[in-house]
Amino acid sequence: MKLITNDETISRSELKDMAGKMFGGLVKGVVDVSRGIMAVDAELHADEEAFLLKSGSSQDDLWGINLYPDETGEDFIEFDSMINVRPRQGNKSRGVENADLRSAIIGIVNDLVV
């Protein structure tokens, strides 16, 4: 598992290497929208979520995504994770239903993946 911050970004080629070792075409990630960081390279989003919670993140700020390093544009990020199911926050699906929140996640990922 790897923590990605503004001080320690990640390249698409690193993501491709991670994808090849784990799932072939994708890398799971969890983004902390408050801190502007993400964890990648674990078998489960829940593992990355637990890692970020231990590092000081708040549950309400963590959202699961999948990254497809061979894709570009809208196909690069997929909003699909069981950790996203949060009826108490108004999110009733595995996706991220709030458009502003999706945009914030995309912005963070674009800042961290170089």
PDB file of N, CA and C in Angstrom:
ATOM      1  N   MET A   1       0.846  -1.168   0.000  1.00  0.00           N
ATOM      2  CA  MET A   1       0.000   0.000   0.000  1.00  0.00           C
ATOM      3  C   MET A   1       0.894   1.234   0.000  1.00  0.00           C
ATOM      4  N   LYS A   2       0.412   2.267  -0.675  1.00  0.00           N
ATOM      5  CA  LYS A   2       1.217   3.470  -0.804  1.00  0.00           C
ATOM      6  C   LYS A   2       0.350   4.702  -0.563  1.00  0.00           C
ATOM      7  N   LEU A   3       0.874   5.638   0.211  1.00  0.00           N
ATOM      8  CA  LEU A   3       0.212   6.916   0.460  1.00  0.00           C
ATOM      9  C   LEU A   3       0.714   7.921  -0.570  1.00  0.00           C
ATOM     10  N   ILE A   4      -0.222   8.593  -1.233  1.00  0.00           N
ATOM     11  CA  ILE A   4       0.120   9.573  -2.250  1.00  0.00           C
ATOM     12  C   ILE A   4      -0.292  10.953  -1.724  1.00  0.00           C
ATOM     13  N   THR A   5       0.665  11.878  -1.714  1.00  0.00           N
ATOM     14  CA  THR A   5       0.432  13.243  -1.239  1.00  0.00           C
ATOM     15  C   THR A   5       0.992  14.223  -2.264  1.00  0.00           C
ATOM     16  N   ASN A   6       0.786  15.505  -2.033  1.00  0.00           N
ATOM     17  CA  ASN A   6       1.377  16.511  -2.926  1.00  0.00           C
ATOM     18  C   ASN A   6       2.900  16.452  -2.903  1.00  0.00           C
ATOM     19  N   ASP A   7       3.463  15.968  -1.794  1.00  0.00           N
ATOM     20  CA  ASP A   7       4.917  15.846  -1.681  1.00  0.00           C
ATOM     21  C   ASP A   7       5.435  14.555  -2.306  1.00  0.00           C
ATOM     22  N   GLU A   8       4.564  13.585  -2.460  1.00  0.00           N
ATOM     23  CA  GLU A   8       4.973  12.289  -3.017  1.00  0.00           C
ATOM     24  C   GLU A   8       3.909  11.813  -4.001  1.00  0.00           C
ATOM     25  N   THR A   9       3.974  12.344  -5.229  1.00  0.00           N
ATOM     26  CA  THR A   9       3.010  12.003  -6.258  1.00  0.00           C
ATOM     27  C   THR A   9       3.322  10.625  -6.847  1.00  0.00           C
ATOM     28  N   ILE A  10       2.504  10.188  -7.776  1.00  0.00           N
ATOM     29  CA  ILE A  10       2.698   8.895  -8.419  1.00  0.00           C
ATOM     30  C   ILE A  10       2.516   9.055  -9.927  1.00  0.00           C
ATOM     31  N   SER A  11       3.264   8.292 -10.687  1.00  0.00           N
ATOM     32  CA  SER A  11       3.169   8.365 -12.149  1.00  0.00           C
ATOM     33  C   SER A  11       2.218   7.287 -12.667  1.00  0.00           C
ATOM     34  N   ARG A  12       1.760   7.480 -13.874  1.00  0.00           N
ATOM     35  CA  ARG A  12       0.907   6.469 -14.507  1.00  0.00           C
ATOM     36  C   ARG A  12       1.666   5.156 -14.690  1.00  0.00           C
ATOM     37  N   SER A  13       2.958   5.249 -14.960  1.00  0.00           N
ATOM     38  CA  SER A  13       3.727   4.015 -15.135  1.00  0.00           C
ATOM     39  C   SER A  13       3.806   3.225 -13.824  1.00  0.00           C
ATOM     40  N   GLU A  14       3.921   3.924 -12.697  1.00  0.00           N
ATOM     41  CA  GLU A  14       3.883   3.234 -11.400  1.00  0.00           C
ATOM     42  C   GLU A  14       2.524   2.573 -11.187  1.00  0.00           C
ATOM     43  N   LEU A  15       1.458   3.293 -11.558  1.00  0.00           N
ATOM     44  CA  LEU A  15       0.113   2.714 -11.444  1.00  0.00           C
ATOM     45  C   LEU A  15      -0.028   1.485 -12.336  1.00  0.00           C
ATOM     46  N   LYS A  16       0.543   1.542 -13.548  1.00  0.00           N
ATOM     47  CA  LYS A  16       0.498   0.389 -14.457  1.00  0.00           C
ATOM     48  C   LYS A  16       1.198  -0.815 -13.833  1.00  0.00           C
ATOM     49  N   ASP A  17       2.348  -0.581 -13.206  1.00  0.00           N
ATOM     50  CA  ASP A  17       3.069  -1.676 -12.537  1.00  0.00           C
ATOM     51  C   ASP A  17       2.220  -2.268 -11.416  1.00  0.00           C
ATOM     52  N   MET A  18       1.580  -1.418 -10.623  1.00  0.00           N
ATOM     53  CA  MET A  18       0.712  -1.890  -9.538  1.00  0.00           C
ATOM     54  C   MET A  18      -0.450  -2.702 -10.097  1.00  0.00           C
ATOM     55  N   ALA A  19      -1.055  -2.202 -11.162  1.00  0.00           N
ATOM     56  CA  ALA A  19      -2.197  -2.886 -11.770  1.00  0.00           C
ATOM     57  C   ALA A  19      -1.794  -4.270 -12.272  1.00  0.00           C
ATOM     58  N   GLY A  20      -0.615  -4.355 -12.853  1.00  0.00           N
ATOM     59  CA  GLY A  20      -0.142  -5.637 -13.377  1.00  0.00           C
ATOM     60  C   GLY A  20       0.084  -6.674 -12.292  1.00  0.00           C
ATOM     61  N   LYS A  21       0.454  -6.223 -11.115  1.00  0.00           N
ATOM     62  CA  LYS A  21       0.714  -7.144 -10.006  1.00  0.00           C
ATOM     63  C   LYS A  21      -0.553  -7.561  -9.278  1.00  0.00           C
ATOM     64  N   MET A  22      -1.625  -6.750  -9.386  1.00  0.00           N
ATOM     65  CA  MET A  22      -2.805  -7.016  -8.570  1.00  0.00           C
ATOM     66  C   MET A  22      -3.992  -7.455  -9.411  1.00  0.00           C
ATOM     67  N   PHE A  23      -4.558  -6.558 -10.186  1.00  0.00           N
ATOM     68  CA  PHE A  23      -5.818  -6.831 -10.879  1.00  0.00           C
ATOM     69  C   PHE A  23      -5.688  -6.803 -12.401  1.00  0.00           C
ATOM     70  N   GLY A  24      -4.530  -6.509 -12.910  1.00  0.00           N
ATOM     71  CA  GLY A  24      -4.341  -6.486 -14.353  1.00  0.00           C
ATOM     72  C   GLY A  24      -4.577  -5.132 -14.993  1.00  0.00           C
ATOM     73  N   GLY A  25      -5.765  -4.567 -14.826  1.00  0.00           N
ATOM     74  CA  GLY A  25      -6.049  -3.314 -15.500  1.00  0.00           C
ATOM     75  C   GLY A  25      -6.409  -2.164 -14.604  1.00  0.00           C
ATOM     76  N   LEU A  26      -6.523  -2.415 -13.293  1.00  0.00           N
ATOM     77  CA  LEU A  26      -6.955  -1.339 -12.415  1.00  0.00           C
ATOM     78  C   LEU A  26      -6.190  -1.343 -11.104  1.00  0.00           C
ATOM     79  N   VAL A  27      -6.186  -0.180 -10.473  1.00  0.00           N
ATOM     80  CA  VAL A  27      -5.609  -0.008  -9.145  1.00  0.00           C
ATOM     81  C   VAL A  27      -6.707   0.581  -8.257  1.00  0.00           C
ATOM     82  N   LYS A  28      -6.952  -0.051  -7.135  1.00  0.00           N
ATOM     83  CA  LYS A  28      -7.931   0.477  -6.189  1.00  0.00           C
ATOM     84  C   LYS A  28      -7.302   1.621  -5.405  1.00  0.00           C
ATOM     85  N   GLY A  29      -8.125   2.609  -5.092  1.00  0.00           N
ATOM     86  CA  GLY A  29      -7.645   3.744  -4.325  1.00  0.00           C
ATOM     87  C   GLY A  29      -8.737   4.305  -3.432  1.00  0.00           C
ATOM     88  N   VAL A  30      -8.316   4.993  -2.387  1.00  0.00           N
ATOM     89  CA  VAL A  30      -9.238   5.718  -1.520  1.00  0.00           C
ATOM     90  C   VAL A  30      -8.699   7.130  -1.375  1.00  0.00           C
ATOM     91  N   VAL A  31      -9.570   8.099  -1.651  1.00  0.00           N
ATOM     92  CA  VAL A  31      -9.212   9.515  -1.621  1.00  0.00           C
ATOM     93  C   VAL A  31      -9.792  10.155  -0.363  1.00  0.00           C
ATOM     94  N   ASP A  32      -8.963  10.934   0.324  1.00  0.00           N
ATOM     95  CA  ASP A  32      -9.413  11.767   1.437  1.00  0.00           C
ATOM     96  C   ASP A  32      -9.622  13.168   0.878  1.00  0.00           C
ATOM     97  N   VAL A  33     -10.881  13.559   0.705  1.00  0.00           N
ATOM     98  CA  VAL A  33     -11.175  14.841   0.062  1.00  0.00           C
ATOM     99  C   VAL A  33     -10.830  16.035   0.943  1.00  0.00           C
ATOM    100  N   SER A  34     -10.746  15.842   2.227  1.00  0.00           N
ATOM    101  CA  SER A  34     -10.390  16.932   3.130  1.00  0.00           C
ATOM    102  C   SER A  34      -8.884  17.192   3.129  1.00  0.00           C
ATOM    103  N   ARG A  35      -8.119  16.123   3.154  1.00  0.00           N
ATOM    104  CA  ARG A  35      -6.656  16.247   3.234  1.00  0.00           C
ATOM    105  C   ARG A  35      -5.987  16.290   1.863  1.00  0.00           C
ATOM    106  N   GLY A  36      -6.713  15.955   0.808  1.00  0.00           N
ATOM    107  CA  GLY A  36      -6.145  15.985  -0.537  1.00  0.00           C
ATOM    108  C   GLY A  36      -5.101  14.919  -0.771  1.00  0.00           C
ATOM    109  N   ILE A  37      -5.299  13.745  -0.170  1.00  0.00           N
ATOM    110  CA  ILE A  37      -4.361  12.625  -0.308  1.00  0.00           C
ATOM    111  C   ILE A  37      -5.125  11.383  -0.734  1.00  0.00           C
ATOM    112  N   MET A  38      -4.382  10.331  -1.104  1.00  0.00           N
ATOM    113  CA  MET A  38      -5.033   9.063  -1.384  1.00  0.00           C
ATOM    114  C   MET A  38      -4.084   7.908  -1.092  1.00  0.00           C
ATOM    115  N   ALA A  39      -4.688   6.774  -0.818  1.00  0.00           N
ATOM    116  CA  ALA A  39      -3.949   5.531  -0.652  1.00  0.00           C
ATOM    117  C   ALA A  39      -4.274   4.648  -1.855  1.00  0.00           C
ATOM    118  N   VAL A  40      -3.264   3.948  -2.359  1.00  0.00           N
ATOM    119  CA  VAL A  40      -3.452   3.052  -3.500  1.00  0.00           C
ATOM    120  C   VAL A  40      -2.723   1.740  -3.243  1.00  0.00           C
ATOM    121  N   ASP A  41      -3.020   0.773  -4.100  1.00  0.00           N
ATOM    122  CA  ASP A  41      -2.281  -0.486  -4.147  1.00  0.00           C
ATOM    123  C   ASP A  41      -2.598  -1.415  -2.984  1.00  0.00           C
ATOM    124  N   ALA A  42      -3.873  -1.747  -2.852  1.00  0.00           N
ATOM    125  CA  ALA A  42      -4.300  -2.760  -1.893  1.00  0.00           C
ATOM    126  C   ALA A  42      -5.373  -3.615  -2.558  1.00  0.00           C
ATOM    127  N   GLU A  43      -5.587  -4.777  -2.021  1.00  0.00           N
ATOM    128  CA  GLU A  43      -6.590  -5.681  -2.586  1.00  0.00           C
ATOM    129  C   GLU A  43      -8.008  -5.168  -2.366  1.00  0.00           C
ATOM    130  N   LEU A  44      -8.237  -4.507  -1.230  1.00  0.00           N
ATOM    131  CA  LEU A  44      -9.571  -4.015  -0.892  1.00  0.00           C
ATOM    132  C   LEU A  44      -9.549  -2.522  -0.585  1.00  0.00           C
ATOM    133  N   HIS A  45     -10.597  -1.824  -1.006  1.00  0.00           N
ATOM    134  CA  HIS A  45     -10.744  -0.421  -0.614  1.00  0.00           C
ATOM    135  C   HIS A  45     -10.775  -0.298   0.908  1.00  0.00           C
ATOM    136  N   ALA A  46     -11.369  -1.276   1.569  1.00  0.00           N
ATOM    137  CA  ALA A  46     -11.476  -1.234   3.031  1.00  0.00           C
ATOM    138  C   ALA A  46     -10.096  -1.219   3.696  1.00  0.00           C
ATOM    139  N   ASP A  47      -9.114  -1.879   3.097  1.00  0.00           N
ATOM    140  CA  ASP A  47      -7.757  -1.858   3.642  1.00  0.00           C
ATOM    141  C   ASP A  47      -7.153  -0.457   3.547  1.00  0.00           C
ATOM    142  N   GLU A  48      -7.362   0.192   2.409  1.00  0.00           N
ATOM    143  CA  GLU A  48      -6.856   1.556   2.223  1.00  0.00           C
ATOM    144  C   GLU A  48      -7.598   2.526   3.135  1.00  0.00           C
ATOM    145  N   GLU A  49      -8.888   2.307   3.285  1.00  0.00           N
ATOM    146  CA  GLU A  49      -9.694   3.126   4.191  1.00  0.00           C
ATOM    147  C   GLU A  49      -9.159   3.020   5.620  1.00  0.00           C
ATOM    148  N   ALA A  50      -8.892   1.809   6.079  1.00  0.00           N
ATOM    149  CA  ALA A  50      -8.367   1.601   7.435  1.00  0.00           C
ATOM    150  C   ALA A  50      -7.003   2.277   7.595  1.00  0.00           C
ATOM    151  N   PHE A  51      -6.172   2.176   6.585  1.00  0.00           N
ATOM    152  CA  PHE A  51      -4.851   2.809   6.597  1.00  0.00           C
ATOM    153  C   PHE A  51      -4.983   4.325   6.773  1.00  0.00           C
ATOM    154  N   LEU A  52      -5.886   4.943   6.010  1.00  0.00           N
ATOM    155  CA  LEU A  52      -6.063   6.389   6.100  1.00  0.00           C
ATOM    156  C   LEU A  52      -6.700   6.798   7.423  1.00  0.00           C
ATOM    157  N   LEU A  53      -7.613   5.995   7.929  1.00  0.00           N
ATOM    158  CA  LEU A  53      -8.210   6.303   9.235  1.00  0.00           C
ATOM    159  C   LEU A  53      -7.145   6.302  10.325  1.00  0.00           C
ATOM    160  N   LYS A  54      -6.213   5.360  10.260  1.00  0.00           N
ATOM    161  CA  LYS A  54      -5.122   5.307  11.243  1.00  0.00           C
ATOM    162  C   LYS A  54      -4.181   6.495  11.114  1.00  0.00           C
ATOM    163  N   SER A  55      -4.127   7.072   9.913  1.00  0.00           N
ATOM    164  CA  SER A  55      -3.222   8.206   9.706  1.00  0.00           C
ATOM    165  C   SER A  55      -3.903   9.549   9.983  1.00  0.00           C
ATOM    166  N   GLY A  56      -5.143   9.516  10.497  1.00  0.00           N
ATOM    167  CA  GLY A  56      -5.792  10.744  10.903  1.00  0.00           C
ATOM    168  C   GLY A  56      -6.954  11.216  10.048  1.00  0.00           C
ATOM    169  N   SER A  57      -7.330  10.454   9.053  1.00  0.00           N
ATOM    170  CA  SER A  57      -8.463  10.832   8.203  1.00  0.00           C
ATOM    171  C   SER A  57      -9.781  10.607   8.932  1.00  0.00           C
ATOM    172  N   SER A  58     -10.810  11.298   8.466  1.00  0.00           N
ATOM    173  CA  SER A  58     -12.166  11.130   8.976  1.00  0.00           C
ATOM    174  C   SER A  58     -12.966  10.278   7.994  1.00  0.00           C
ATOM    175  N   GLN A  59     -13.761   9.364   8.508  1.00  0.00           N
ATOM    176  CA  GLN A  59     -14.553   8.461   7.675  1.00  0.00           C
ATOM    177  C   GLN A  59     -15.375   9.212   6.628  1.00  0.00           C
ATOM    178  N   ASP A  60     -15.981  10.310   7.010  1.00  0.00           N
ATOM    179  CA  ASP A  60     -16.853  11.048   6.095  1.00  0.00           C
ATOM    180  C   ASP A  60     -16.112  11.615   4.888  1.00  0.00           C
ATOM    181  N   ASP A  61     -14.794  11.708   4.962  1.00  0.00           N
ATOM    182  CA  ASP A  61     -13.994  12.291   3.884  1.00  0.00           C
ATOM    183  C   ASP A  61     -13.391  11.256   2.936  1.00  0.00           C
ATOM    184  N   LEU A  62     -13.589   9.970   3.191  1.00  0.00           N
ATOM    185  CA  LEU A  62     -12.941   8.915   2.418  1.00  0.00           C
ATOM    186  C   LEU A  62     -13.882   8.315   1.383  1.00  0.00           C
ATOM    187  N   TRP A  63     -13.388   8.241   0.138  1.00  0.00           N
ATOM    188  CA  TRP A  63     -14.190   7.740  -0.974  1.00  0.00           C
ATOM    189  C   TRP A  63     -13.360   6.800  -1.829  1.00  0.00           C
ATOM    190  N   GLY A  64     -13.951   5.652  -2.151  1.00  0.00           N
ATOM    191  CA  GLY A  64     -13.257   4.628  -2.930  1.00  0.00           C
ATOM    192  C   GLY A  64     -13.407   4.836  -4.424  1.00  0.00           C
ATOM    193  N   ILE A  65     -12.297   4.603  -5.122  1.00  0.00           N
ATOM    194  CA  ILE A  65     -12.269   4.721  -6.587  1.00  0.00           C
ATOM    195  C   ILE A  65     -11.434   3.581  -7.159  1.00  0.00           C
ATOM    196  N   ASN A  66     -11.526   3.419  -8.456  1.00  0.00           N
ATOM    197  CA  ASN A  66     -10.633   2.540  -9.206  1.00  0.00           C
ATOM    198  C   ASN A  66      -9.961   3.388 -10.270  1.00  0.00           C
ATOM    199  N   LEU A  67      -8.670   3.190 -10.442  1.00  0.00           N
ATOM    200  CA  LEU A  67      -7.910   3.908 -11.458  1.00  0.00           C
ATOM    201  C   LEU A  67      -7.511   2.932 -12.558  1.00  0.00           C
ATOM    202  N   TYR A  68      -7.699   3.343 -13.792  1.00  0.00           N
ATOM    203  CA  TYR A  68      -7.336   2.545 -14.958  1.00  0.00           C
ATOM    204  C   TYR A  68      -6.198   3.260 -15.674  1.00  0.00           C
ATOM    205  N   PRO A  69      -4.949   2.917 -15.359  1.00  0.00           N
ATOM    206  CA  PRO A  69      -3.805   3.686 -15.860  1.00  0.00           C
ATOM    207  C   PRO A  69      -3.649   3.694 -17.377  1.00  0.00           C
ATOM    208  N   ASP A  70      -4.246   2.741 -18.081  1.00  0.00           N
ATOM    209  CA  ASP A  70      -4.151   2.737 -19.538  1.00  0.00           C
ATOM    210  C   ASP A  70      -5.208   3.613 -20.197  1.00  0.00           C
ATOM    211  N   GLU A  71      -6.128   4.141 -19.405  1.00  0.00           N
ATOM    212  CA  GLU A  71      -7.227   4.947 -19.935  1.00  0.00           C
ATOM    213  C   GLU A  71      -6.963   6.435 -19.719  1.00  0.00           C
ATOM    214  N   THR A  72      -7.712   7.256 -20.424  1.00  0.00           N
ATOM    215  CA  THR A  72      -7.608   8.705 -20.271  1.00  0.00           C
ATOM    216  C   THR A  72      -9.000   9.294 -20.093  1.00  0.00           C
ATOM    217  N   GLY A  73      -9.038  10.569 -19.753  1.00  0.00           N
ATOM    218  CA  GLY A  73     -10.305  11.268 -19.608  1.00  0.00           C
ATOM    219  C   GLY A  73     -11.183  10.641 -18.541  1.00  0.00           C
ATOM    220  N   GLU A  74     -12.480  10.592 -18.820  1.00  0.00           N
ATOM    221  CA  GLU A  74     -13.449  10.071 -17.856  1.00  0.00           C
ATOM    222  C   GLU A  74     -13.251   8.583 -17.561  1.00  0.00           C
ATOM    223  N   ASP A  75     -12.595   7.869 -18.464  1.00  0.00           N
ATOM    224  CA  ASP A  75     -12.386   6.434 -18.273  1.00  0.00           C
ATOM    225  C   ASP A  75     -11.247   6.114 -17.305  1.00  0.00           C
ATOM    226  N   PHE A  76     -10.458   7.110 -16.921  1.00  0.00           N
ATOM    227  CA  PHE A  76      -9.329   6.897 -16.012  1.00  0.00           C
ATOM    228  C   PHE A  76      -9.788   6.579 -14.597  1.00  0.00           C
ATOM    229  N   ILE A  77     -10.850   7.262 -14.133  1.00  0.00           N
ATOM    230  CA  ILE A  77     -11.337   7.099 -12.756  1.00  0.00           C
ATOM    231  C   ILE A  77     -12.735   6.487 -12.784  1.00  0.00           C
ATOM    232  N   GLU A  78     -12.908   5.440 -12.005  1.00  0.00           N
ATOM    233  CA  GLU A  78     -14.217   4.816 -11.842  1.00  0.00           C
ATOM    234  C   GLU A  78     -14.644   4.977 -10.386  1.00  0.00           C
ATOM    235  N   PHE A  79     -15.843   5.450 -10.183  1.00  0.00           N
ATOM    236  CA  PHE A  79     -16.394   5.636  -8.837  1.00  0.00           C
ATOM    237  C   PHE A  79     -17.228   4.410  -8.492  1.00  0.00           C
ATOM    238  N   ASP A  80     -16.585   3.413  -7.898  1.00  0.00           N
ATOM    239  CA  ASP A  80     -17.281   2.158  -7.585  1.00  0.00           C
ATOM    240  C   ASP A  80     -16.583   1.478  -6.417  1.00  0.00           C
ATOM    241  N   SER A  81     -17.202   1.552  -5.241  1.00  0.00           N
ATOM    242  CA  SER A  81     -16.631   0.904  -4.067  1.00  0.00           C
ATOM    243  C   SER A  81     -17.710   0.716  -3.011  1.00  0.00           C
ATOM    244  N   MET A  82     -17.635  -0.391  -2.329  1.00  0.00           N
ATOM    245  CA  MET A  82     -18.574  -0.654  -1.237  1.00  0.00           C
ATOM    246  C   MET A  82     -18.434   0.374  -0.114  1.00  0.00           C
ATOM    247  N   ILE A  83     -17.246   0.947   0.073  1.00  0.00           N
ATOM    248  CA  ILE A  83     -17.085   1.925   1.154  1.00  0.00           C
ATOM    249  C   ILE A  83     -17.844   3.216   0.876  1.00  0.00           C
ATOM    250  N   ASN A  84     -18.316   3.387  -0.356  1.00  0.00           N
ATOM    251  CA  ASN A  84     -19.054   4.596  -0.722  1.00  0.00           C
ATOM    252  C   ASN A  84     -20.531   4.530  -0.345  1.00  0.00           C
ATOM    253  N   VAL A  85     -21.018   3.366   0.019  1.00  0.00           N
ATOM    254  CA  VAL A  85     -22.428   3.231   0.386  1.00  0.00           C
ATOM    255  C   VAL A  85     -22.610   3.862   1.761  1.00  0.00           C
ATOM    256  N   ARG A  86     -23.203   5.067   1.772  1.00  0.00           N
ATOM    257  CA  ARG A  86     -23.371   5.834   3.007  1.00  0.00           C
ATOM    258  C   ARG A  86     -24.701   6.570   3.005  1.00  0.00           C
ATOM    259  N   PRO A  87     -25.765   5.880   3.301  1.00  0.00           N
ATOM    260  CA  PRO A  87     -27.076   6.541   3.315  1.00  0.00           C
ATOM    261  C   PRO A  87     -27.122   7.751   4.245  1.00  0.00           C
ATOM    262  N   ARG A  88     -26.418   7.712   5.357  1.00  0.00           N
ATOM    263  CA  ARG A  88     -26.445   8.835   6.296  1.00  0.00           C
ATOM    264  C   ARG A  88     -25.819  10.091   5.701  1.00  0.00           C
ATOM    265  N   GLN A  89     -24.982   9.911   4.670  1.00  0.00           N
ATOM    266  CA  GLN A  89     -24.392  11.052   3.973  1.00  0.00           C
ATOM    267  C   GLN A  89     -25.102  11.313   2.646  1.00  0.00           C
ATOM    268  N   GLY A  90     -26.209  10.630   2.428  1.00  0.00           N
ATOM    269  CA  GLY A  90     -26.959  10.830   1.197  1.00  0.00           C
ATOM    270  C   GLY A  90     -26.419  10.077   0.006  1.00  0.00           C
ATOM    271  N   ASN A  91     -25.498   9.146   0.220  1.00  0.00           N
ATOM    272  CA  ASN A  91     -24.927   8.368  -0.874  1.00  0.00           C
ATOM    273  C   ASN A  91     -25.395   6.925  -0.720  1.00  0.00           C
ATOM    274  N   LYS A  92     -26.349   6.529  -1.561  1.00  0.00           N
ATOM    275  CA  LYS A  92     -26.978   5.217  -1.410  1.00  0.00           C
ATOM    276  C   LYS A  92     -26.446   4.168  -2.371  1.00  0.00           C
ATOM    277  N   SER A  93     -25.425   4.501  -3.131  1.00  0.00           N
ATOM    278  CA  SER A  93     -24.879   3.556  -4.104  1.00  0.00           C
ATOM    279  C   SER A  93     -23.376   3.381  -3.896  1.00  0.00           C
ATOM    280  N   ARG A  94     -22.792   2.491  -4.674  1.00  0.00           N
ATOM    281  CA  ARG A  94     -21.346   2.270  -4.632  1.00  0.00           C
ATOM    282  C   ARG A  94     -20.591   3.374  -5.367  1.00  0.00           C
ATOM    283  N   GLY A  95     -21.318   4.196  -6.096  1.00  0.00           N
ATOM    284  CA  GLY A  95     -20.709   5.323  -6.784  1.00  0.00           C
ATOM    285  C   GLY A  95     -20.609   6.521  -5.863  1.00  0.00           C
ATOM    286  N   VAL A  96     -20.294   7.664  -6.441  1.00  0.00           N
ATOM    287  CA  VAL A  96     -20.301   8.933  -5.700  1.00  0.00           C
ATOM    288  C   VAL A  96     -21.369   9.781  -6.377  1.00  0.00           C
ATOM    289  N   GLU A  97     -22.505   9.932  -5.717  1.00  0.00           N
ATOM    290  CA  GLU A  97     -23.673  10.533  -6.345  1.00  0.00           C
ATOM    291  C   GLU A  97     -23.607  12.055  -6.446  1.00  0.00           C
ATOM    292  N   ASN A  98     -22.873  12.712  -5.567  1.00  0.00           N
ATOM    293  CA  ASN A  98     -22.780  14.169  -5.553  1.00  0.00           C
ATOM    294  C   ASN A  98     -21.767  14.638  -6.604  1.00  0.00           C
ATOM    295  N   ALA A  99     -22.237  15.418  -7.572  1.00  0.00           N
ATOM    296  CA  ALA A  99     -21.382  15.876  -8.668  1.00  0.00           C
ATOM    297  C   ALA A  99     -20.219  16.737  -8.180  1.00  0.00           C
ATOM    298  N   ASP A 100     -20.451  17.592  -7.190  1.00  0.00           N
ATOM    299  CA  ASP A 100     -19.364  18.430  -6.662  1.00  0.00           C
ATOM    300  C   ASP A 100     -18.293  17.582  -5.992  1.00  0.00           C
ATOM    301  N   LEU A 101     -18.720  16.557  -5.291  1.00  0.00           N
ATOM    302  CA  LEU A 101     -17.777  15.652  -4.639  1.00  0.00           C
ATOM    303  C   LEU A 101     -16.974  14.870  -5.677  1.00  0.00           C
ATOM    304  N   ARG A 102     -17.641  14.391  -6.725  1.00  0.00           N
ATOM    305  CA  ARG A 102     -16.921  13.698  -7.809  1.00  0.00           C
ATOM    306  C   ARG A 102     -15.873  14.622  -8.417  1.00  0.00           C
ATOM    307  N   SER A 103     -16.247  15.878  -8.651  1.00  0.00           N
ATOM    308  CA  SER A 103     -15.296  16.845  -9.221  1.00  0.00           C
ATOM    309  C   SER A 103     -14.108  17.074  -8.299  1.00  0.00           C
ATOM    310  N   ALA A 104     -14.368  17.150  -6.995  1.00  0.00           N
ATOM    311  CA  ALA A 104     -13.278  17.329  -6.028  1.00  0.00           C
ATOM    312  C   ALA A 104     -12.335  16.126  -6.061  1.00  0.00           C
ATOM    313  N   ILE A 105     -12.888  14.931  -6.127  1.00  0.00           N
ATOM    314  CA  ILE A 105     -12.065  13.713  -6.183  1.00  0.00           C
ATOM    315  C   ILE A 105     -11.225  13.706  -7.452  1.00  0.00           C
ATOM    316  N   ILE A 106     -11.840  14.028  -8.576  1.00  0.00           N
ATOM    317  CA  ILE A 106     -11.102  14.079  -9.849  1.00  0.00           C
ATOM    318  C   ILE A 106      -9.956  15.083  -9.759  1.00  0.00           C
ATOM    319  N   GLY A 107     -10.205  16.251  -9.172  1.00  0.00           N
ATOM    320  CA  GLY A 107      -9.162  17.268  -9.028  1.00  0.00           C
ATOM    321  C   GLY A 107      -8.004  16.774  -8.186  1.00  0.00           C
ATOM    322  N   ILE A 108      -8.307  16.095  -7.099  1.00  0.00           N
ATOM    323  CA  ILE A 108      -7.260  15.564  -6.221  1.00  0.00           C
ATOM    324  C   ILE A 108      -6.446  14.510  -6.965  1.00  0.00           C
ATOM    325  N   VAL A 109      -7.123  13.599  -7.631  1.00  0.00           N
ATOM    326  CA  VAL A 109      -6.420  12.546  -8.360  1.00  0.00           C
ATOM    327  C   VAL A 109      -5.530  13.170  -9.444  1.00  0.00           C
ATOM    328  N   ASN A 110      -6.050  14.157 -10.161  1.00  0.00           N
ATOM    329  CA  ASN A 110      -5.257  14.807 -11.216  1.00  0.00           C
ATOM    330  C   ASN A 110      -4.042  15.516 -10.646  1.00  0.00           C
ATOM    331  N   ASP A 111      -4.133  16.024  -9.426  1.00  0.00           N
ATOM    332  CA  ASP A 111      -2.974  16.654  -8.782  1.00  0.00           C
ATOM    333  C   ASP A 111      -1.934  15.625  -8.334  1.00  0.00           C
ATOM    334  N   LEU A 112      -2.388  14.436  -7.961  1.00  0.00           N
ATOM    335  CA  LEU A 112      -1.492  13.433  -7.383  1.00  0.00           C
ATOM    336  C   LEU A 112      -0.892  12.466  -8.397  1.00  0.00           C
ATOM    337  N   VAL A 113      -1.559  12.297  -9.529  1.00  0.00           N
ATOM    338  CA  VAL A 113      -1.053  11.400 -10.576  1.00  0.00           C
ATOM    339  C   VAL A 113      -0.414  12.281 -11.650  1.00  0.00           C
ATOM    340  N   VAL A 114       0.901  12.120 -11.812  1.00  0.00           N
ATOM    341  CA  VAL A 114       1.636  12.981 -12.754  1.00  0.00           C
ATOM    342  C   VAL A 114       2.108  12.215 -13.970  1.00  0.00           C
TER     343      VAL A 114
END
